[in-house]
Amino acid sequence: VPGNSGIISGLQKYYCKRRSGRYALIGCLPNEEQIGRFALSGRKSCRK
């Protein structure tokens, strides 16, 4: 459902946290590196 993908969103957040990252809305902070990108939402997974 547009805006509320429930299951997939939860899996993406779990995947990001499993890799010791955080789920970034726009982009990573300067002291972080991008470790993943989620095509459906355009969000990024970042870690220090």
All heavy atoms as atom14 arrays in JSON, in Angstrom:
{
  "sequence": "VPGNSGIISGLQKYYCKRRSGRYALIGCLPNEEQIGRFALSGRKSCRK",
  "atom14_mask": [
    [1, 1, 1, 1, 1, 1, 1, 0, 0, 0, 0, 0, 0, 0],
    [1, 1, 1, 1, 1, 1, 1, 0, 0, 0, 0, 0, 0, 0],
    [1, 1, 1, 1, 0, 0, 0, 0, 0, 0, 0, 0, 0, 0],
    [1, 1, 1, 1, 1, 1, 1, 1, 0, 0, 0, 0, 0, 0],
    [1, 1, 1, 1, 1, 1, 0, 0, 0, 0, 0, 0, 0, 0],
    [1, 1, 1, 1, 0, 0, 0, 0, 0, 0, 0, 0, 0, 0],
    [1, 1, 1, 1, 1, 1, 1, 1, 0, 0, 0, 0, 0, 0],
    [1, 1, 1, 1, 1, 1, 1, 1, 0, 0, 0, 0, 0, 0],
    [1, 1, 1, 1, 1, 1, 0, 0, 0, 0, 0, 0, 0, 0],
    [1, 1, 1, 1, 0, 0, 0, 0, 0, 0, 0, 0, 0, 0],
    [1, 1, 1, 1, 1, 1, 1, 1, 0, 0, 0, 0, 0, 0],
    [1, 1, 1, 1, 1, 1, 1, 1, 1, 0, 0, 0, 0, 0],
    [1, 1, 1, 1, 1, 1, 1, 1, 1, 0, 0, 0, 0, 0],
    [1, 1, 1, 1, 1, 1, 1, 1, 1, 1, 1, 1, 0, 0],
    [1, 1, 1, 1, 1, 1, 1, 1, 1, 1, 1, 1, 0, 0],
    [1, 1, 1, 1, 1, 1, 0, 0, 0, 0, 0, 0, 0, 0],
    [1, 1, 1, 1, 1, 1, 1, 1, 1, 0, 0, 0, 0, 0],
    [1, 1, 1, 1, 1, 1, 1, 1, 1, 1, 1, 0, 0, 0],
    [1, 1, 1, 1, 1, 1, 1, 1, 1, 1, 1, 0, 0, 0],
    [1, 1, 1, 1, 1, 1, 0, 0, 0, 0, 0, 0, 0, 0],
    [1, 1, 1, 1, 0, 0, 0, 0, 0, 0, 0, 0, 0, 0],
    [1, 1, 1, 1, 1, 1, 1, 1, 1, 1, 1, 0, 0, 0],
    [1, 1, 1, 1, 1, 1, 1, 1, 1, 1, 1, 1, 0, 0],
    [1, 1, 1, 1, 1, 0, 0, 0, 0, 0, 0, 0, 0, 0],
    [1, 1, 1, 1, 1, 1, 1, 1, 0, 0, 0, 0, 0, 0],
    [1, 1, 1, 1, 1, 1, 1, 1, 0, 0, 0, 0, 0, 0],
    [1, 1, 1, 1, 0, 0, 0, 0, 0, 0, 0, 0, 0, 0],
    [1, 1, 1, 1, 1, 1, 0, 0, 0, 0, 0, 0, 0, 0],
    [1, 1, 1, 1, 1, 1, 1, 1, 0, 0, 0, 0, 0, 0],
    [1, 1, 1, 1, 1, 1, 1, 0, 0, 0, 0, 0, 0, 0],
    [1, 1, 1, 1, 1, 1, 1, 1, 0, 0, 0, 0, 0, 0],
    [1, 1, 1, 1, 1, 1, 1, 1, 1, 0, 0, 0, 0, 0],
    [1, 1, 1, 1, 1, 1, 1, 1, 1, 0, 0, 0, 0, 0],
    [1, 1, 1, 1, 1, 1, 1, 1, 1, 0, 0, 0, 0, 0],
    [1, 1, 1, 1, 1, 1, 1, 1, 0, 0, 0, 0, 0, 0],
    [1, 1, 1, 1, 0, 0, 0, 0, 0, 0, 0, 0, 0, 0],
    [1, 1, 1, 1, 1, 1, 1, 1, 1, 1, 1, 0, 0, 0],
    [1, 1, 1, 1, 1, 1, 1, 1, 1, 1, 1, 0, 0, 0],
    [1, 1, 1, 1, 1, 0, 0, 0, 0, 0, 0, 0, 0, 0],
    [1, 1, 1, 1, 1, 1, 1, 1, 0, 0, 0, 0, 0, 0],
    [1, 1, 1, 1, 1, 1, 0, 0, 0, 0, 0, 0, 0, 0],
    [1, 1, 1, 1, 0, 0, 0, 0, 0, 0, 0, 0, 0, 0],
    [1, 1, 1, 1, 1, 1, 1, 1, 1, 1, 1, 0, 0, 0],
    [1, 1, 1, 1, 1, 1, 1, 1, 1, 0, 0, 0, 0, 0],
    [1, 1, 1, 1, 1, 1, 0, 0, 0, 0, 0, 0, 0, 0],
    [1, 1, 1, 1, 1, 1, 0, 0, 0, 0, 0, 0, 0, 0],
    [1, 1, 1, 1, 1, 1, 1, 1, 1, 1, 1, 0, 0, 0],
    [1, 1, 1, 1, 1, 1, 1, 1, 1, 0, 0, 0, 0, 0]
  ],
  "atom14_positions": [
    [[0.86, -1.16, 0.0], [0.0, 0.0, 0.0], [0.91, 1.22, 0.0], [1.81, 1.31, 0.83], [-0.92, 0.0, 1.25], [-1.78, 1.24, 1.28], [-1.75, -1.25, 1.28], [0.0, 0.0, 0.0], [0.0, 0.0, 0.0], [0.0, 0.0, 0.0], [0.0, 0.0, 0.0], [0.0, 0.0, 0.0], [0.0, 0.0, 0.0], [0.0, 0.0, 0.0]],
    [[0.71, 2.17, -0.91], [1.59, 3.35, -0.96], [1.65, 4.06, 0.39], [0.63, 4.37, 0.99], [0.94, 4.24, -2.01], [0.17, 3.3, -2.86], [-0.29, 2.21, -1.95], [0.0, 0.0, 0.0], [0.0, 0.0, 0.0], [0.0, 0.0, 0.0], [0.0, 0.0, 0.0], [0.0, 0.0, 0.0], [0.0, 0.0, 0.0], [0.0, 0.0, 0.0]],
    [[2.87, 4.27, 0.87], [3.05, 4.97, 2.13], [3.06, 4.08, 3.36], [3.48, 4.48, 4.42], [0.0, 0.0, 0.0], [0.0, 0.0, 0.0], [0.0, 0.0, 0.0], [0.0, 0.0, 0.0], [0.0, 0.0, 0.0], [0.0, 0.0, 0.0], [0.0, 0.0, 0.0], [0.0, 0.0, 0.0], [0.0, 0.0, 0.0], [0.0, 0.0, 0.0]],
    [[2.59, 2.86, 3.22], [2.54, 1.96, 4.37], [2.8, 0.54, 3.9], [1.87, -0.25, 3.74], [1.18, 2.07, 5.06], [1.13, 1.24, 6.33], [2.16, 0.87, 6.85], [-0.06, 0.96, 6.81], [0.0, 0.0, 0.0], [0.0, 0.0, 0.0], [0.0, 0.0, 0.0], [0.0, 0.0, 0.0], [0.0, 0.0, 0.0], [0.0, 0.0, 0.0]],
    [[4.07, 0.2, 3.72], [4.39, -1.12, 3.17], [4.59, -2.17, 4.25], [4.94, -3.29, 3.95], [5.61, -1.02, 2.27], [6.69, -0.47, 2.97], [0.0, 0.0, 0.0], [0.0, 0.0, 0.0], [0.0, 0.0, 0.0], [0.0, 0.0, 0.0], [0.0, 0.0, 0.0], [0.0, 0.0, 0.0], [0.0, 0.0, 0.0], [0.0, 0.0, 0.0]],
    [[4.4, -1.82, 5.49], [4.37, -2.75, 6.61], [5.44, -3.81, 6.66], [6.47, -3.62, 7.29], [0.0, 0.0, 0.0], [0.0, 0.0, 0.0], [0.0, 0.0, 0.0], [0.0, 0.0, 0.0], [0.0, 0.0, 0.0], [0.0, 0.0, 0.0], [0.0, 0.0, 0.0], [0.0, 0.0, 0.0], [0.0, 0.0, 0.0], [0.0, 0.0, 0.0]],
    [[5.22, -4.93, 6.01], [6.12, -6.07, 6.1], [7.49, -5.75, 5.51], [8.52, -5.99, 6.14], [5.5, -7.29, 5.39], [4.24, -7.71, 6.11], [6.49, -8.43, 5.31], [3.44, -8.77, 5.4], [0.0, 0.0, 0.0], [0.0, 0.0, 0.0], [0.0, 0.0, 0.0], [0.0, 0.0, 0.0], [0.0, 0.0, 0.0], [0.0, 0.0, 0.0]],
    [[7.52, -5.18, 4.32], [8.8, -4.89, 3.66], [9.56, -3.82, 4.44], [10.76, -3.92, 4.63], [8.57, -4.46, 2.2], [8.04, -5.65, 1.41], [9.84, -3.92, 1.59], [7.72, -5.38, -0.01], [0.0, 0.0, 0.0], [0.0, 0.0, 0.0], [0.0, 0.0, 0.0], [0.0, 0.0, 0.0], [0.0, 0.0, 0.0], [0.0, 0.0, 0.0]],
    [[8.87, -2.81, 4.92], [9.51, -1.77, 5.71], [10.15, -2.34, 6.97], [11.27, -1.99, 7.33], [8.48, -0.7, 6.08], [9.04, 0.28, 6.9], [0.0, 0.0, 0.0], [0.0, 0.0, 0.0], [0.0, 0.0, 0.0], [0.0, 0.0, 0.0], [0.0, 0.0, 0.0], [0.0, 0.0, 0.0], [0.0, 0.0, 0.0], [0.0, 0.0, 0.0]],
    [[9.45, -3.23, 7.63], [9.99, -3.86, 8.83], [11.22, -4.69, 8.53], [12.19, -4.67, 9.29], [0.0, 0.0, 0.0], [0.0, 0.0, 0.0], [0.0, 0.0, 0.0], [0.0, 0.0, 0.0], [0.0, 0.0, 0.0], [0.0, 0.0, 0.0], [0.0, 0.0, 0.0], [0.0, 0.0, 0.0], [0.0, 0.0, 0.0], [0.0, 0.0, 0.0]],
    [[11.21, -5.41, 7.42], [12.37, -6.21, 7.03], [13.57, -5.32, 6.71], [14.71, -5.66, 7.05], [12.03, -7.09, 5.83], [11.1, -8.26, 6.09], [10.74, -8.96, 4.79], [11.73, -9.23, 7.06], [0.0, 0.0, 0.0], [0.0, 0.0, 0.0], [0.0, 0.0, 0.0], [0.0, 0.0, 0.0], [0.0, 0.0, 0.0], [0.0, 0.0, 0.0]],
    [[13.33, -4.2, 6.05], [14.42, -3.28, 5.72], [15.04, -2.7, 6.98], [16.26, -2.61, 7.09], [13.91, -2.15, 4.83], [13.59, -2.6, 3.43], [12.98, -1.5, 2.6], [12.51, -0.5, 3.12], [12.98, -1.69, 1.3], [0.0, 0.0, 0.0], [0.0, 0.0, 0.0], [0.0, 0.0, 0.0], [0.0, 0.0, 0.0], [0.0, 0.0, 0.0]],
    [[14.22, -2.3, 7.93], [14.74, -1.76, 9.18], [15.53, -2.82, 9.95], [16.59, -2.54, 10.5], [13.6, -1.22, 10.04], [13.03, 0.06, 9.52], [11.9, 0.55, 10.4], [11.27, 1.79, 9.82], [10.15, 2.27, 10.6], [0.0, 0.0, 0.0], [0.0, 0.0, 0.0], [0.0, 0.0, 0.0], [0.0, 0.0, 0.0], [0.0, 0.0, 0.0]],
    [[15.04, -4.05, 9.95], [15.76, -5.13, 10.62], [17.1, -5.38, 9.95], [18.12, -5.55, 10.62], [14.91, -6.41, 10.6], [15.65, -7.6, 11.14], [15.86, -7.75, 12.51], [16.17, -8.56, 10.29], [16.56, -8.83, 13.01], [16.88, -9.64, 10.78], [17.07, -9.77, 12.13], [17.77, -10.84, 12.61], [0.0, 0.0, 0.0], [0.0, 0.0, 0.0]],
    [[17.13, -5.4, 8.63], [18.36, -5.61, 7.87], [19.38, -4.52, 8.19], [20.56, -4.8, 8.39], [18.04, -5.62, 6.38], [19.25, -5.62, 5.48], [19.98, -6.79, 5.29], [19.65, -4.47, 4.83], [21.09, -6.8, 4.47], [20.76, -4.48, 4.0], [21.47, -5.64, 3.82], [22.57, -5.66, 3.01], [0.0, 0.0, 0.0], [0.0, 0.0, 0.0]],
    [[18.93, -3.29, 8.26], [19.82, -2.16, 8.55], [20.37, -2.25, 9.98], [21.57, -2.08, 10.2], [19.06, -0.86, 8.35], [20.09, 0.6, 8.38], [0.0, 0.0, 0.0], [0.0, 0.0, 0.0], [0.0, 0.0, 0.0], [0.0, 0.0, 0.0], [0.0, 0.0, 0.0], [0.0, 0.0, 0.0], [0.0, 0.0, 0.0], [0.0, 0.0, 0.0]],
    [[19.52, -2.53, 10.94], [19.97, -2.63, 12.32], [20.89, -3.83, 12.52], [21.82, -3.79, 13.31], [18.77, -2.71, 13.26], [18.02, -1.41, 13.38], [17.19, -1.39, 14.63], [16.4, -0.12, 14.71], [17.17, 0.98, 15.22], [0.0, 0.0, 0.0], [0.0, 0.0, 0.0], [0.0, 0.0, 0.0], [0.0, 0.0, 0.0], [0.0, 0.0, 0.0]],
    [[20.65, -4.89, 11.8], [21.48, -6.09, 11.88], [22.91, -5.79, 11.45], [23.86, -6.38, 11.95], [20.87, -7.18, 11.01], [21.58, -8.48, 11.05], [21.2, -9.24, 12.31], [21.9, -10.5, 12.29], [22.47, -11.02, 13.35], [22.37, -10.44, 14.51], [23.12, -12.16, 13.26], [0.0, 0.0, 0.0], [0.0, 0.0, 0.0], [0.0, 0.0, 0.0]],
    [[23.07, -4.86, 10.52], [24.39, -4.46, 10.05], [24.94, -3.27, 10.84], [25.84, -2.58, 10.37], [24.34, -4.13, 8.57], [23.96, -5.34, 7.72], [24.1, -5.1, 6.27], [25.5, -4.89, 5.93], [25.91, -4.35, 4.79], [25.04, -3.98, 3.89], [27.19, -4.18, 4.55], [0.0, 0.0, 0.0], [0.0, 0.0, 0.0], [0.0, 0.0, 0.0]],
    [[24.41, -3.03, 12.02], [24.83, -1.94, 12.91], [24.69, -0.58, 12.26], [25.57, 0.27, 12.35], [26.29, -2.14, 13.35], [26.45, -3.37, 13.98], [0.0, 0.0, 0.0], [0.0, 0.0, 0.0], [0.0, 0.0, 0.0], [0.0, 0.0, 0.0], [0.0, 0.0, 0.0], [0.0, 0.0, 0.0], [0.0, 0.0, 0.0], [0.0, 0.0, 0.0]],
    [[23.57, -0.37, 11.63], [23.33, 0.91, 10.97], [22.08, 1.58, 11.47], [21.42, 1.11, 12.39], [0.0, 0.0, 0.0], [0.0, 0.0, 0.0], [0.0, 0.0, 0.0], [0.0, 0.0, 0.0], [0.0, 0.0, 0.0], [0.0, 0.0, 0.0], [0.0, 0.0, 0.0], [0.0, 0.0, 0.0], [0.0, 0.0, 0.0], [0.0, 0.0, 0.0]],
    [[21.79, 2.7, 10.84], [20.55, 3.42, 11.15], [19.84, 3.7, 9.83], [20.46, 3.76, 8.77], [20.81, 4.71, 11.92], [21.43, 5.81, 11.11], [21.56, 7.11, 11.91], [22.03, 8.17, 11.05], [21.23, 8.98, 10.37], [19.93, 8.87, 10.48], [21.73, 9.91, 9.57], [0.0, 0.0, 0.0], [0.0, 0.0, 0.0], [0.0, 0.0, 0.0]],
    [[18.56, 3.9, 9.88], [17.7, 4.08, 8.73], [17.57, 5.58, 8.49], [16.92, 6.27, 9.27], [16.36, 3.44, 9.08], [15.5, 2.99, 7.95], [15.98, 2.16, 6.97], [14.18, 3.38, 7.89], [15.16, 1.73, 5.95], [13.35, 2.96, 6.88], [13.84, 2.13, 5.91], [13.02, 1.72, 4.91], [0.0, 0.0, 0.0], [0.0, 0.0, 0.0]],
    [[18.21, 6.11, 7.45], [18.23, 7.55, 7.19], [17.19, 7.92, 6.14], [17.07, 7.26, 5.11], [19.61, 7.97, 6.72], [0.0, 0.0, 0.0], [0.0, 0.0, 0.0], [0.0, 0.0, 0.0], [0.0, 0.0, 0.0], [0.0, 0.0, 0.0], [0.0, 0.0, 0.0], [0.0, 0.0, 0.0], [0.0, 0.0, 0.0], [0.0, 0.0, 0.0]],
    [[16.45, 8.99, 6.39], [15.4, 9.43, 5.47], [15.97, 10.06, 4.21], [15.63, 9.69, 3.1], [14.47, 10.4, 6.19], [13.32, 10.97, 5.36], [12.41, 9.85, 4.9], [12.53, 11.97, 6.16], [0.0, 0.0, 0.0], [0.0, 0.0, 0.0], [0.0, 0.0, 0.0], [0.0, 0.0, 0.0], [0.0, 0.0, 0.0], [0.0, 0.0, 0.0]],
    [[16.88, 11.01, 4.37], [17.42, 11.75, 3.22], [18.81, 11.27, 2.84], [19.07, 10.91, 1.71], [17.42, 13.27, 3.51], [15.99, 13.75, 3.72], [18.08, 14.02, 2.37], [15.89, 15.16, 4.21], [0.0, 0.0, 0.0], [0.0, 0.0, 0.0], [0.0, 0.0, 0.0], [0.0, 0.0, 0.0], [0.0, 0.0, 0.0], [0.0, 0.0, 0.0]],
    [[19.73, 11.28, 3.79], [21.08, 10.86, 3.49], [21.86, 10.63, 4.76], [21.4, 10.88, 5.87], [0.0, 0.0, 0.0], [0.0, 0.0, 0.0], [0.0, 0.0, 0.0], [0.0, 0.0, 0.0], [0.0, 0.0, 0.0], [0.0, 0.0, 0.0], [0.0, 0.0, 0.0], [0.0, 0.0, 0.0], [0.0, 0.0, 0.0], [0.0, 0.0, 0.0]],
    [[23.08, 10.15, 4.58], [23.95, 9.86, 5.71], [24.63, 11.14, 6.2], [24.85, 12.07, 5.42], [25.01, 8.84, 5.31], [24.31, 7.3, 4.72], [0.0, 0.0, 0.0], [0.0, 0.0, 0.0], [0.0, 0.0, 0.0], [0.0, 0.0, 0.0], [0.0, 0.0, 0.0], [0.0, 0.0, 0.0], [0.0, 0.0, 0.0], [0.0, 0.0, 0.0]],
    [[24.97, 11.16, 7.46], [25.72, 12.28, 8.03], [27.17, 12.22, 7.54], [27.63, 11.18, 7.06], [25.66, 12.21, 9.55], [24.26, 12.35, 10.17], [24.32, 12.1, 11.67], [23.66, 13.7, 9.87], [0.0, 0.0, 0.0], [0.0, 0.0, 0.0], [0.0, 0.0, 0.0], [0.0, 0.0, 0.0], [0.0, 0.0, 0.0], [0.0, 0.0, 0.0]],
    [[27.93, 13.33, 7.66], [29.31, 13.34, 7.16], [30.22, 12.28, 7.78], [31.14, 11.81, 7.13], [29.81, 14.74, 7.52], [28.59, 15.57, 7.64], [27.51, 14.65, 8.12], [0.0, 0.0, 0.0], [0.0, 0.0, 0.0], [0.0, 0.0, 0.0], [0.0, 0.0, 0.0], [0.0, 0.0, 0.0], [0.0, 0.0, 0.0], [0.0, 0.0, 0.0]],
    [[29.99, 11.91, 9.02], [30.84, 10.91, 9.68], [30.3, 9.49, 9.52], [30.69, 8.59, 10.24], [31.04, 11.25, 11.16], [29.73, 11.21, 11.92], [28.65, 11.24, 11.35], [29.83, 11.14, 13.23], [0.0, 0.0, 0.0], [0.0, 0.0, 0.0], [0.0, 0.0, 0.0], [0.0, 0.0, 0.0], [0.0, 0.0, 0.0], [0.0, 0.0, 0.0]],
    [[29.39, 9.27, 8.58], [28.79, 7.97, 8.34], [29.03, 7.52, 6.9], [29.25, 8.35, 6.01], [27.28, 8.0, 8.58], [26.9, 8.27, 10.01], [25.41, 8.34, 10.21], [24.69, 8.72, 9.25], [24.95, 8.03, 11.31], [0.0, 0.0, 0.0], [0.0, 0.0, 0.0], [0.0, 0.0, 0.0], [0.0, 0.0, 0.0], [0.0, 0.0, 0.0]],
    [[29.0, 6.21, 6.71], [29.09, 5.66, 5.36], [27.79, 4.95, 5.02], [27.13, 4.41, 5.9], [30.27, 4.7, 5.25], [30.16, 3.48, 6.15], [31.35, 2.56, 6.08], [32.16, 2.7, 5.15], [31.47, 1.7, 6.96], [0.0, 0.0, 0.0], [0.0, 0.0, 0.0], [0.0, 0.0, 0.0], [0.0, 0.0, 0.0], [0.0, 0.0, 0.0]],
    [[27.44, 4.95, 3.75], [26.22, 4.3, 3.31], [26.49, 2.81, 3.13], [27.43, 2.43, 2.44], [25.74, 4.92, 2.0], [24.45, 4.35, 1.51], [23.96, 5.06, 0.26], [24.29, 6.2, 0.01], [23.17, 4.36, -0.52], [0.0, 0.0, 0.0], [0.0, 0.0, 0.0], [0.0, 0.0, 0.0], [0.0, 0.0, 0.0], [0.0, 0.0, 0.0]],
    [[25.67, 1.97, 3.75], [25.86, 0.52, 3.64], [24.72, -0.14, 2.88], [24.75, -1.33, 2.65], [26.03, -0.13, 5.03], [24.82, 0.15, 5.92], [27.32, 0.29, 5.68], [24.82, -0.62, 7.22], [0.0, 0.0, 0.0], [0.0, 0.0, 0.0], [0.0, 0.0, 0.0], [0.0, 0.0, 0.0], [0.0, 0.0, 0.0], [0.0, 0.0, 0.0]],
    [[23.73, 0.64, 2.48], [22.62, 0.07, 1.74], [21.64, 1.13, 1.3], [21.64, 2.26, 1.82], [0.0, 0.0, 0.0], [0.0, 0.0, 0.0], [0.0, 0.0, 0.0], [0.0, 0.0, 0.0], [0.0, 0.0, 0.0], [0.0, 0.0, 0.0], [0.0, 0.0, 0.0], [0.0, 0.0, 0.0], [0.0, 0.0, 0.0], [0.0, 0.0, 0.0]],
    [[20.83, 0.79, 0.32], [19.81, 1.7, -0.18], [18.58, 0.87, -0.5], [18.68, -0.21, -1.07], [20.28, 2.42, -1.43], [19.29, 3.43, -1.95], [19.88, 4.21, -3.12], [18.85, 5.02, -3.73], [18.01, 4.6, -4.66], [18.1, 3.37, -5.11], [17.09, 5.38, -5.14], [0.0, 0.0, 0.0], [0.0, 0.0, 0.0], [0.0, 0.0, 0.0]],
    [[17.43, 1.39, -0.14], [16.19, 0.67, -0.34], [15.4, 1.32, -1.46], [15.0, 2.47, -1.37], [15.39, 0.62, 0.95], [16.18, 0.02, 2.08], [16.67, 0.8, 3.11], [16.47, -1.32, 2.08], [17.41, 0.25, 4.13], [17.21, -1.89, 3.1], [17.68, -1.09, 4.12], [0.0, 0.0, 0.0], [0.0, 0.0, 0.0], [0.0, 0.0, 0.0]],
    [[15.21, 0.58, -2.55], [14.63, 1.13, -3.78], [13.19, 1.58, -3.62], [12.8, 2.59, -4.2], [14.73, 0.09, -4.9], [0.0, 0.0, 0.0], [0.0, 0.0, 0.0], [0.0, 0.0, 0.0], [0.0, 0.0, 0.0], [0.0, 0.0, 0.0], [0.0, 0.0, 0.0], [0.0, 0.0, 0.0], [0.0, 0.0, 0.0], [0.0, 0.0, 0.0]],
    [[12.4, 0.86, -2.85], [10.99, 1.21, -2.75], [10.76, 2.54, -2.05], [9.93, 3.33, -2.46], [10.22, 0.11, -2.01], [10.1, -1.23, -2.73], [9.41, -2.24, -1.85], [9.35, -1.05, -4.03], [0.0, 0.0, 0.0], [0.0, 0.0, 0.0], [0.0, 0.0, 0.0], [0.0, 0.0, 0.0], [0.0, 0.0, 0.0], [0.0, 0.0, 0.0]],
    [[11.52, 2.81, -1.01], [11.29, 4.04, -0.25], [12.33, 5.11, -0.53], [12.13, 6.27, -0.19], [11.27, 3.73, 1.25], [12.52, 3.21, 1.64], [0.0, 0.0, 0.0], [0.0, 0.0, 0.0], [0.0, 0.0, 0.0], [0.0, 0.0, 0.0], [0.0, 0.0, 0.0], [0.0, 0.0, 0.0], [0.0, 0.0, 0.0], [0.0, 0.0, 0.0]],
    [[13.46, 4.75, -1.14], [14.51, 5.73, -1.4], [15.34, 6.05, -0.17], [16.21, 6.91, -0.21], [0.0, 0.0, 0.0], [0.0, 0.0, 0.0], [0.0, 0.0, 0.0], [0.0, 0.0, 0.0], [0.0, 0.0, 0.0], [0.0, 0.0, 0.0], [0.0, 0.0, 0.0], [0.0, 0.0, 0.0], [0.0, 0.0, 0.0], [0.0, 0.0, 0.0]],
    [[15.1, 5.37, 0.93], [15.87, 5.61, 2.15], [17.21, 4.91, 2.09], [17.42, 4.02, 1.28], [15.09, 5.16, 3.36], [13.84, 5.98, 3.58], [13.13, 5.56, 4.81], [11.94, 6.38, 5.0], [11.43, 6.64, 6.17], [11.95, 6.13, 7.25], [10.35, 7.39, 6.26], [0.0, 0.0, 0.0], [0.0, 0.0, 0.0], [0.0, 0.0, 0.0]],
    [[18.1, 5.32, 2.99], [19.43, 4.76, 3.01], [19.74, 4.18, 4.38], [19.22, 4.64, 5.38], [20.45, 5.83, 2.66], [20.27, 6.36, 1.24], [21.11, 7.59, 1.01], [20.91, 8.1, -0.38], [19.6, 8.6, -0.66], [0.0, 0.0, 0.0], [0.0, 0.0, 0.0], [0.0, 0.0, 0.0], [0.0, 0.0, 0.0], [0.0, 0.0, 0.0]],
    [[20.61, 3.2, 4.39], [21.08, 2.61, 5.64], [22.53, 3.1, 5.84], [23.36, 2.94, 4.95], [21.04, 1.08, 5.53], [21.46, 0.52, 6.73], [0.0, 0.0, 0.0], [0.0, 0.0, 0.0], [0.0, 0.0, 0.0], [0.0, 0.0, 0.0], [0.0, 0.0, 0.0], [0.0, 0.0, 0.0], [0.0, 0.0, 0.0], [0.0, 0.0, 0.0]],
    [[22.78, 3.71, 6.98], [24.09, 4.31, 7.24], [24.66, 3.78, 8.56], [23.93, 3.44, 9.47], [23.96, 5.82, 7.37], [23.12, 6.61, 5.99], [0.0, 0.0, 0.0], [0.0, 0.0, 0.0], [0.0, 0.0, 0.0], [0.0, 0.0, 0.0], [0.0, 0.0, 0.0], [0.0, 0.0, 0.0], [0.0, 0.0, 0.0], [0.0, 0.0, 0.0]],
    [[26.01, 3.78, 8.64], [26.67, 3.46, 9.9], [27.93, 4.29, 10.01], [28.43, 4.81, 9.01], [26.98, 1.98, 10.01], [28.08, 1.5, 9.13], [28.44, 0.07, 9.4], [29.3, -0.4, 8.32], [29.42, -1.65, 7.96], [28.72, -2.58, 8.59], [30.21, -2.0, 7.0], [0.0, 0.0, 0.0], [0.0, 0.0, 0.0], [0.0, 0.0, 0.0]],
    [[28.43, 4.44, 11.23], [29.62, 5.26, 11.47], [30.83, 4.66, 10.75], [30.98, 3.44, 10.67], [29.92, 5.35, 12.95], [28.84, 6.13, 13.68], [29.31, 6.55, 15.03], [28.14, 7.31, 15.65], [28.54, 8.33, 16.53], [0.0, 0.0, 0.0], [0.0, 0.0, 0.0], [0.0, 0.0, 0.0], [0.0, 0.0, 0.0], [0.0, 0.0, 0.0]]
  ]
}
